């Protein structure tokens, strides 16, 4: 996987609070430990020694300038699918909504899909309050939306598998 794609993936993941700075530092330290010195990009040392989240995000933003966000967004969606048990459905909606809002192209496939799913969920929540009085009706409607979100995330599972290879590449 291209290194700049990984930078953008980590940037997006940190911005939606899926990755913690400590996790990135641990991965970088592992890479530094297992790689000959001449093959380690200087910026990895800077990132590894970064003291806070803001500094890391700024460095990752600078490094990933000009990278197409579609693949990193797909990776993040795949990672959210893989780690969905860590989050409530509300948190998944929040993270996917934030991911969609962070992408420069609002009409891109990932941004459009998650924005649409989040809008459908919001509409369902409003509709329940206005029209549906029965609990079963509400539960069915929300379960349908939840399934749609989980199915959408599942489509990106293969991207998470590629990311998990930890191939810091070119």
Protein backbone atom coordinates (compact mmCIF):
# COMPACT_ATOMS: atom_id res chain seq x y z
CA UNK A 1 0.00 0.00 0.00
CA UNK A 2 1.30 3.45 -0.83
CA UNK A 3 2.70 5.29 2.15
CA UNK A 4 0.75 8.49 1.43
CA UNK A 5 -2.50 6.54 1.37
CA UNK A 6 -1.61 5.25 4.83
CA UNK A 7 -0.91 8.78 6.05
CA UNK A 8 -4.33 9.90 4.86
CA UNK A 9 -5.96 6.81 6.37
CA UNK A 10 -4.42 7.54 9.76
CA UNK A 11 -5.36 11.22 9.46
CA UNK A 12 -9.02 10.40 8.75
CA UNK A 13 -9.04 7.70 11.43
CA UNK A 14 -7.68 10.10 14.04
CA UNK A 15 -10.12 12.83 13.03
CA UNK A 16 -13.13 10.54 13.56
CA UNK A 17 -11.52 9.21 16.75
CA UNK A 18 -11.12 5.65 15.49
CA UNK A 19 -7.33 5.74 15.93
CA UNK A 20 -5.60 7.04 18.98
CA UNK A 21 -2.16 8.69 18.72
CA UNK A 22 -0.72 5.97 20.95
CA UNK A 23 -1.76 3.27 18.44
CA UNK A 24 -0.03 5.07 15.57
CA UNK A 25 3.10 5.61 17.65
CA UNK A 26 3.18 1.90 18.54
CA UNK A 27 2.88 0.91 14.87
CA UNK A 28 5.57 3.37 13.83
CA UNK A 29 7.89 2.19 16.59
CA UNK A 30 7.36 -1.41 15.50
CA UNK A 31 8.13 -0.46 11.90
CA UNK A 32 11.25 1.46 12.98
CA UNK A 33 12.44 -1.49 15.08
CA UNK A 34 12.04 -4.01 12.25
CA UNK A 35 13.36 -1.94 9.34
CA UNK A 36 16.94 -1.11 8.34
CA UNK A 37 17.75 2.52 9.22
CA UNK A 38 18.30 3.57 5.60
CA UNK A 39 14.76 2.42 4.69
CA UNK A 40 12.98 4.45 7.39
CA UNK A 41 11.53 7.77 6.24
CA UNK A 42 12.67 10.62 8.48
CA UNK A 43 9.07 11.70 9.07
CA UNK A 44 8.39 8.40 10.86
CA UNK A 45 10.75 9.49 13.63
CA UNK A 46 9.00 12.86 13.84
CA UNK A 47 5.57 11.20 14.01
CA UNK A 48 6.79 8.67 16.55
CA UNK A 49 8.03 11.46 18.80
CA UNK A 50 4.96 13.69 18.38
CA UNK A 51 3.63 14.74 21.74
CA UNK A 52 -0.06 15.23 21.01
CA UNK A 53 -2.93 14.41 18.68
CA UNK A 54 -3.03 17.87 17.10
CA UNK A 55 0.64 17.72 16.11
CA UNK A 56 0.20 14.26 14.62
CA UNK A 57 -2.88 15.30 12.63
CA UNK A 58 -1.05 18.38 11.32
CA UNK A 59 1.94 16.27 10.25
CA UNK A 60 -0.31 13.69 8.59
CA UNK A 61 -2.26 16.46 6.84
CA UNK A 62 0.96 17.95 5.47
CA UNK A 63 2.19 14.53 4.36
CA UNK A 64 -1.00 13.47 2.64
CA UNK A 65 -1.58 16.64 0.61
CA UNK A 66 -2.97 15.77 -2.80
CA UNK A 67 -3.81 12.15 -1.97
CA UNK A 68 -7.15 10.94 -3.32
CA UNK A 69 -9.28 10.45 -0.22
CA UNK A 70 -11.54 7.75 -1.66
CA UNK A 71 -9.28 4.77 -0.85
CA UNK A 72 -8.39 5.96 2.67
CA UNK A 73 -12.11 6.57 3.31
CA UNK A 74 -12.87 3.03 2.10
CA UNK A 75 -10.20 1.70 4.46
CA UNK A 76 -11.70 3.60 7.40
CA UNK A 77 -15.17 2.27 6.51
CA UNK A 78 -13.72 -1.25 6.43
CA UNK A 79 -12.05 -0.72 9.80
CA UNK A 80 -15.32 0.57 11.25
CA UNK A 81 -16.97 -2.62 9.98
CA UNK A 82 -14.26 -4.79 11.50
CA UNK A 83 -14.44 -2.94 14.83
CA UNK A 84 -18.19 -2.33 14.88
CA UNK A 85 -18.62 -4.27 18.12
CA UNK A 86 -16.65 -1.54 19.91
CA UNK A 87 -19.27 1.07 19.06
CA UNK A 88 -22.96 1.63 19.60
CA UNK A 89 -25.04 2.16 16.48
CA UNK A 90 -25.26 5.87 17.35
CA UNK A 91 -21.45 6.07 17.46
CA UNK A 92 -21.21 4.33 14.09
CA UNK A 93 -23.64 6.83 12.61
CA UNK A 94 -21.65 9.69 14.12
CA UNK A 95 -18.33 8.35 12.84
CA UNK A 96 -19.61 7.68 9.32
CA UNK A 97 -21.27 11.10 9.21
CA UNK A 98 -18.06 12.77 10.32
CA UNK A 99 -16.07 10.74 7.79
CA UNK A 100 -18.42 11.86 5.00
CA UNK A 101 -18.12 15.49 6.08
CA UNK A 102 -14.30 15.36 6.13
CA UNK A 103 -13.99 14.30 2.49
CA UNK A 104 -13.29 17.06 -0.01
CA UNK A 105 -15.60 15.59 -2.65
CA UNK A 106 -19.12 15.49 -1.18
CA UNK A 107 -20.33 13.65 -4.27
CA UNK A 108 -17.75 10.87 -4.01
CA UNK A 109 -19.10 7.36 -3.52
CA UNK A 110 -18.16 7.00 0.15
CA UNK A 111 -19.27 10.49 1.20
CA UNK A 112 -22.55 10.23 -0.67
CA UNK A 113 -23.35 6.76 0.66
CA UNK A 114 -22.76 7.58 4.32
CA UNK A 115 -24.40 10.97 4.08
CA UNK A 116 -27.49 9.30 2.58
CA UNK A 117 -27.58 6.61 5.28
CA UNK A 118 -27.24 9.19 8.04
CA UNK A 119 -29.98 11.35 6.54
CA UNK A 120 -32.28 8.30 6.31
CA UNK A 121 -31.63 7.53 9.97
CA UNK A 122 -32.30 11.10 11.03
CA UNK A 123 -35.53 11.14 9.03
CA UNK A 124 -36.59 7.87 10.64
CA UNK A 125 -35.89 9.28 14.10
CA UNK A 126 -37.97 12.37 13.30
CA UNK A 127 -40.75 10.36 11.70
CA UNK A 128 -41.10 8.20 14.78
CA UNK A 129 -41.58 11.23 16.95
CA UNK A 130 -44.18 12.71 14.62
CA UNK A 131 -46.13 9.75 13.24
CA UNK A 132 -45.41 6.41 14.79
CA UNK A 133 -46.64 5.76 18.25
CA UNK A 134 -46.08 2.04 18.37
CA UNK A 135 -42.78 0.79 19.71
CA UNK A 136 -42.62 -2.18 17.29
CA UNK A 137 -42.99 0.09 14.29
CA UNK A 138 -40.14 2.27 15.52
CA UNK A 139 -37.93 -0.74 16.27
CA UNK A 140 -38.51 -2.23 12.80
CA UNK A 141 -37.77 1.05 11.09
CA UNK A 142 -34.59 1.66 13.06
CA UNK A 143 -33.46 -1.97 12.64
CA UNK A 144 -33.84 -1.59 8.88
CA UNK A 145 -31.65 1.53 8.92
CA UNK A 146 -29.10 -0.14 11.19
CA UNK A 147 -28.88 -3.13 8.84
CA UNK A 148 -28.37 -0.78 5.88
CA UNK A 149 -25.47 0.93 7.68
CA UNK A 150 -23.85 -2.36 8.69
CA UNK A 151 -24.26 -3.72 5.14
CA UNK A 152 -22.70 -0.57 3.73
CA UNK A 153 -19.71 -0.91 6.07
CA UNK A 154 -19.37 -4.61 5.19
CA UNK A 155 -18.76 -3.69 1.54
CA UNK A 156 -15.45 -2.14 2.61
CA UNK A 157 -14.18 -5.11 4.61
CA UNK A 158 -11.54 -6.01 1.99
CA UNK A 159 -9.92 -2.59 2.41
CA UNK A 160 -9.45 -3.20 6.14
CA UNK A 161 -7.78 -6.53 5.39
CA UNK A 162 -5.30 -4.79 3.08
CA UNK A 163 -4.65 -2.15 5.71
CA UNK A 164 -4.04 -4.81 8.37
CA UNK A 165 -1.08 -6.11 6.37
CA UNK A 166 0.83 -3.10 7.76
CA UNK A 167 2.71 -2.79 4.52
CA UNK A 168 4.09 0.74 4.77
CA UNK A 169 5.18 0.40 1.15
CA UNK A 170 6.76 2.86 -1.21
